C-alpha atoms as a PDB file:
ATOM      1  CA  MET A   1     -11.565  11.402 -15.826  1.00  0.00           C
ATOM      2  CA  THR A   2     -14.384   9.114 -16.895  1.00  0.00           C
ATOM      3  CA  ALA A   3     -15.086   5.667 -15.593  1.00  0.00           C
ATOM      4  CA  PRO A   4     -13.943   2.714 -17.690  1.00  0.00           C
ATOM      5  CA  ALA A   5     -16.814   1.182 -19.604  1.00  0.00           C
ATOM      6  CA  SER A   6     -17.808  -2.280 -18.451  1.00  0.00           C
ATOM      7  CA  THR A   7     -21.407  -3.103 -18.845  1.00  0.00           C
ATOM      8  CA  THR A   8     -23.996  -5.768 -18.487  1.00  0.00           C
ATOM      9  CA  GLY A   9     -27.035  -4.530 -20.327  1.00  0.00           C
ATOM     10  CA  SER A  10     -27.113  -0.763 -20.001  1.00  0.00           C
ATOM     11  CA  ASP A  11     -25.843  -0.421 -16.421  1.00  0.00           C
ATOM     12  CA  PRO A  12     -22.104  -0.030 -15.838  1.00  0.00           C
ATOM     13  CA  VAL A  13     -20.647  -2.637 -13.511  1.00  0.00           C
ATOM     14  CA  PRO A  14     -18.544  -0.890 -10.858  1.00  0.00           C
ATOM     15  CA  PRO A  15     -14.927  -2.056 -10.851  1.00  0.00           C
ATOM     16  CA  TRP A  16     -15.192  -3.350  -7.270  1.00  0.00           C
ATOM     17  CA  GLU A  17     -18.003  -5.680  -8.391  1.00  0.00           C
ATOM     18  CA  GLN A  18     -15.904  -6.875 -11.330  1.00  0.00           C
ATOM     19  CA  PHE A  19     -13.022  -7.545  -8.935  1.00  0.00           C
ATOM     20  CA  ALA A  20     -15.196  -9.349  -6.377  1.00  0.00           C
ATOM     21  CA  SER A  21     -16.446 -11.659  -9.124  1.00  0.00           C
ATOM     22  CA  GLY A  22     -12.881 -12.616 -10.004  1.00  0.00           C
ATOM     23  CA  ALA A  23     -13.110 -11.024 -13.455  1.00  0.00           C
ATOM     24  CA  MET A  24     -10.025  -8.832 -12.888  1.00  0.00           C
ATOM     25  CA  GLY A  25      -7.763 -11.538 -11.470  1.00  0.00           C
ATOM     26  CA  THR A  26      -5.891 -11.471  -8.169  1.00  0.00           C
ATOM     27  CA  SER A  27      -2.399 -10.234  -9.048  1.00  0.00           C
ATOM     28  CA  HIS A  28      -0.877  -7.023  -7.694  1.00  0.00           C
ATOM     29  CA  ARG A  29      -1.467  -5.490 -11.123  1.00  0.00           C
ATOM     30  CA  ALA A  30      -5.164  -6.444 -10.837  1.00  0.00           C
ATOM     31  CA  HIS A  31      -5.302  -4.734  -7.425  1.00  0.00           C
ATOM     32  CA  LEU A  32      -3.748  -1.604  -8.969  1.00  0.00           C
ATOM     33  CA  ARG A  33      -6.301  -1.699 -11.782  1.00  0.00           C
ATOM     34  CA  LEU A  34      -9.049  -2.001  -9.165  1.00  0.00           C
ATOM     35  CA  ALA A  35      -7.658   1.088  -7.407  1.00  0.00           C
ATOM     36  CA  TYR A  36      -7.334   3.084 -10.649  1.00  0.00           C
ATOM     37  CA  GLU A  37     -10.773   2.200 -11.984  1.00  0.00           C
ATOM     38  CA  SER A  38     -12.437   2.685  -8.596  1.00  0.00           C
ATOM     39  CA  LEU A  39     -10.854   6.118  -8.259  1.00  0.00           C
ATOM     40  CA  CYS A  40     -12.458   7.040 -11.578  1.00  0.00           C
ATOM     41  CA  HIS A  41     -15.753   6.713  -9.647  1.00  0.00           C
ATOM     42  CA  GLY A  42     -14.829   8.837  -6.632  1.00  0.00           C
ATOM     43  CA  ASP A  43     -12.091   9.756  -4.206  1.00  0.00           C
ATOM     44  CA  ALA A  44     -10.318   7.277  -1.950  1.00  0.00           C
ATOM     45  CA  THR A  45     -12.545   7.915   1.052  1.00  0.00           C
ATOM     46  CA  THR A  46     -15.649   7.275  -1.055  1.00  0.00           C
ATOM     47  CA  VAL A  47     -14.469   4.093  -2.768  1.00  0.00           C
ATOM     48  CA  LEU A  48     -12.553   2.511   0.137  1.00  0.00           C
ATOM     49  CA  PRO A  49     -15.618   0.759   1.634  1.00  0.00           C
ATOM     50  CA  HIS A  50     -16.538  -0.690  -1.781  1.00  0.00           C
ATOM     51  CA  VAL A  51     -12.993  -1.851  -2.497  1.00  0.00           C
ATOM     52  CA  ASP A  52     -12.606  -3.329   0.989  1.00  0.00           C
ATOM     53  CA  ARG A  53     -15.866  -5.296   0.623  1.00  0.00           C
ATOM     54  CA  ALA A  54     -14.808  -6.543  -2.817  1.00  0.00           C
ATOM     55  CA  LEU A  55     -11.432  -7.700  -1.504  1.00  0.00           C
ATOM     56  CA  ARG A  56     -13.113  -9.459   1.414  1.00  0.00           C
ATOM     57  CA  ARG A  57     -15.632 -11.195  -0.870  1.00  0.00           C
ATOM     58  CA  LEU A  58     -12.946 -12.435  -3.248  1.00  0.00           C
ATOM     59  CA  ALA A  59     -10.571 -13.498  -0.461  1.00  0.00           C
ATOM     60  CA  THR A  60     -13.374 -15.379   1.269  1.00  0.00           C
ATOM     61  CA  ALA A  61     -14.415 -17.040  -1.990  1.00  0.00           C
ATOM     62  CA  HIS A  62     -10.814 -18.254  -2.374  1.00  0.00           C
ATOM     63  CA  GLY A  63     -10.731 -19.500   1.222  1.00  0.00           C
ATOM     64  CA  HIS A  64      -8.356 -16.805   2.520  1.00  0.00           C
ATOM     65  CA  PRO A  65     -10.328 -14.078   4.303  1.00  0.00           C
ATOM     66  CA  GLU A  66      -7.316 -13.484   6.558  1.00  0.00           C
ATOM     67  CA  LYS A  67      -5.343 -12.027   3.638  1.00  0.00           C
ATOM     68  CA  VAL A  68      -7.365  -8.801   3.543  1.00  0.00           C
ATOM     69  CA  HIS A  69      -5.265  -5.954   4.935  1.00  0.00           C
ATOM     70  CA  LEU A  70      -7.133  -2.678   5.467  1.00  0.00           C
ATOM     71  CA  THR A  71      -3.990  -0.589   6.018  1.00  0.00           C
ATOM     72  CA  LEU A  72      -2.492  -1.737   2.708  1.00  0.00           C
ATOM     73  CA  THR A  73      -5.809  -1.316   0.904  1.00  0.00           C
ATOM     74  CA  ALA A  74      -6.115   2.271   2.083  1.00  0.00           C
ATOM     75  CA  LEU A  75      -2.446   3.009   1.397  1.00  0.00           C
ATOM     76  CA  TRP A  76      -2.638   1.812  -2.201  1.00  0.00           C
ATOM     77  CA  LEU A  77      -5.847   3.752  -2.861  1.00  0.00           C
ATOM     78  CA  LEU A  78      -4.311   6.917  -1.424  1.00  0.00           C
ATOM     79  CA  VAL A  79      -1.031   6.527  -3.315  1.00  0.00           C
ATOM     80  CA  VAL A  80      -2.771   5.809  -6.630  1.00  0.00           C
ATOM     81  CA  GLN A  81      -5.135   8.738  -6.032  1.00  0.00           C
ATOM     82  CA  GLU A  82      -2.221  11.093  -5.406  1.00  0.00           C
ATOM     83  CA  ARG A  83      -0.378   9.871  -8.498  1.00  0.00           C
ATOM     84  CA  MET A  84      -3.501  10.307 -10.628  1.00  0.00           C
ATOM     85  CA  ALA A  85      -3.949  13.857  -9.326  1.00  0.00           C
ATOM     86  CA  ARG A  86      -0.321  14.953  -9.710  1.00  0.00           C
ATOM     87  CA  VAL A  87       0.262  13.493 -13.164  1.00  0.00           C
ATOM     88  CA  PRO A  88      -3.075  12.785 -14.841  1.00  0.00           C
ATOM     89  CA  ALA A  89      -2.986   9.583 -16.862  1.00  0.00           C
ATOM     90  CA  PRO A  90      -5.561   8.933 -19.577  1.00  0.00           C
ATOM     91  CA  SER A  91      -5.472   5.184 -18.894  1.00  0.00           C
ATOM     92  CA  PHE A  92      -4.338   2.576 -16.410  1.00  0.00           C
ATOM     93  CA  GLU A  93      -1.401   1.662 -18.637  1.00  0.00           C
ATOM     94  CA  ALA A  94      -0.366   5.324 -18.831  1.00  0.00           C
ATOM     95  CA  LEU A  95      -0.479   5.520 -15.041  1.00  0.00           C
ATOM     96  CA  LEU A  96       1.868   2.537 -14.750  1.00  0.00           C
ATOM     97  CA  ALA A  97       4.180   3.964 -17.415  1.00  0.00           C
ATOM     98  CA  ALA A  98       4.389   7.255 -15.505  1.00  0.00           C
ATOM     99  CA  HIS A  99       4.800   5.546 -12.120  1.00  0.00           C
ATOM    100  CA  PRO A 100       6.527   2.166 -12.533  1.00  0.00           C
ATOM    101  CA  ASP A 101       7.269   2.047  -8.788  1.00  0.00           C
ATOM    102  CA  LEU A 102       3.583   1.212  -8.272  1.00  0.00           C
ATOM    103  CA  LEU A 103       4.336  -2.259  -9.614  1.00  0.00           C
ATOM    104  CA  ASP A 104       6.616  -3.062  -6.666  1.00  0.00           C
ATOM    105  CA  ALA A 105       4.096  -4.448  -4.189  1.00  0.00           C
ATOM    106  CA  ARG A 106       6.696  -4.848  -1.447  1.00  0.00           C
ATOM    107  CA  ALA A 107       8.945  -1.789  -1.659  1.00  0.00           C
ATOM    108  CA  LEU A 108       6.354   0.981  -1.899  1.00  0.00           C
ATOM    109  CA  PRO A 109       4.508   0.163   1.369  1.00  0.00           C
ATOM    110  CA  LEU A 110       7.865  -0.007   3.163  1.00  0.00           C
ATOM    111  CA  ARG A 111       8.434   3.665   2.338  1.00  0.00           C
ATOM    112  CA  TYR A 112       5.530   4.405   4.675  1.00  0.00           C
ATOM    113  CA  TYR A 113       5.535   1.528   7.192  1.00  0.00           C
ATOM    114  CA  HIS A 114       7.941  -0.677   9.123  1.00  0.00           C
ATOM    115  CA  GLU A 115       7.508  -4.377   8.353  1.00  0.00           C
ATOM    116  CA  SER A 116       6.539  -5.042  11.966  1.00  0.00           C
ATOM    117  CA  THR A 117       3.668  -2.568  11.685  1.00  0.00           C
ATOM    118  CA  LEU A 118       2.336  -4.217   8.542  1.00  0.00           C
ATOM    119  CA  ALA A 119       2.655  -7.644  10.185  1.00  0.00           C
ATOM    120  CA  ASP A 120       0.563  -6.537  13.175  1.00  0.00           C
ATOM    121  CA  PRO A 121      -2.976  -8.006  13.093  1.00  0.00           C
ATOM    122  CA  LEU A 122      -4.308  -4.564  14.031  1.00  0.00           C
ATOM    123  CA  ALA A 123      -3.096  -3.190  10.667  1.00  0.00           C
ATOM    124  CA  ARG A 124      -5.135  -5.870   8.910  1.00  0.00           C
ATOM    125  CA  ARG A 125      -8.319  -4.953  10.796  1.00  0.00           C
ATOM    126  CA  ILE A 126      -8.133  -1.146  10.805  1.00  0.00           C
ATOM    127  CA  PHE A 127      -6.190   1.571   9.010  1.00  0.00           C
ATOM    128  CA  VAL A 128      -2.978   2.265  10.903  1.00  0.00           C
ATOM    129  CA  LEU A 129      -1.188   5.563  10.304  1.00  0.00           C
ATOM    130  CA  PRO A 130       2.219   5.387   8.590  1.00  0.00           C
ATOM    131  CA  ASP A 131       5.106   5.014  11.023  1.00  0.00           C
ATOM    132  CA  ARG A 132       8.076   5.896   8.856  1.00  0.00           C
ATOM    133  CA  GLY A 133       9.454   9.359   8.242  1.00  0.00           C
ATOM    134  CA  THR A 134       8.332  11.441   5.325  1.00  0.00           C
ATOM    135  CA  ALA A 135       7.923   9.322   2.232  1.00  0.00           C
ATOM    136  CA  PRO A 136       9.358  10.532  -1.081  1.00  0.00           C
ATOM    137  CA  ARG A 137       7.092  13.111  -2.690  1.00  0.00           C
ATOM    138  CA  VAL A 138       6.028  12.667  -6.283  1.00  0.00           C
ATOM    139  CA  THR A 139       5.644  15.844  -8.257  1.00  0.00           C
ATOM    140  CA  ALA A 140       4.963  16.518 -11.886  1.00  0.00           C
ATOM    141  CA  ALA A 141       8.523  17.846 -12.199  1.00  0.00           C
ATOM    142  CA  SER A 142      10.038  14.642 -10.777  1.00  0.00           C
ATOM    143  CA  THR A 143       8.261  12.213 -13.083  1.00  0.00           C
ATOM    144  CA  PRO A 144       9.697  11.269 -16.465  1.00  0.00           C
ATOM    145  CA  HIS A 145       6.378  11.617 -18.337  1.00  0.00           C
ATOM    146  CA  ALA A 146       5.234  14.907 -16.851  1.00  0.00           C
ATOM    147  CA  PRO A 147       3.669  17.363 -19.283  1.00  0.00           C
END
């Protein structure tokens, strides 16, 4: 999968820089786009530090640095990465069409974590392992748009 083309001059602007500047917006959909476009540049472990820094810069610029939540950031990157790998989508919109549950910012994390875990300040500061039983598995056979 190739990286989305956003440029200033001849150098592509990484999606995390676009996000940090506010160019992508701040909605849940914008966060999903950040995850998708960042994962076009590398795997979740590679892009997580960039995405985390971008979220922190934008949150601080808006006066809310306390809103950054490392556990949720990592979870969303990992879930989007898995969905992209299981059912390749040629675009962000195709990813959302194949996986509409990604748009539910509240329900999806609760498949993996208890609310009390996500509310814990520790989960904001560091990645905390999921504390719920096995989450539903997504396979190519279980998705409506699978090839």
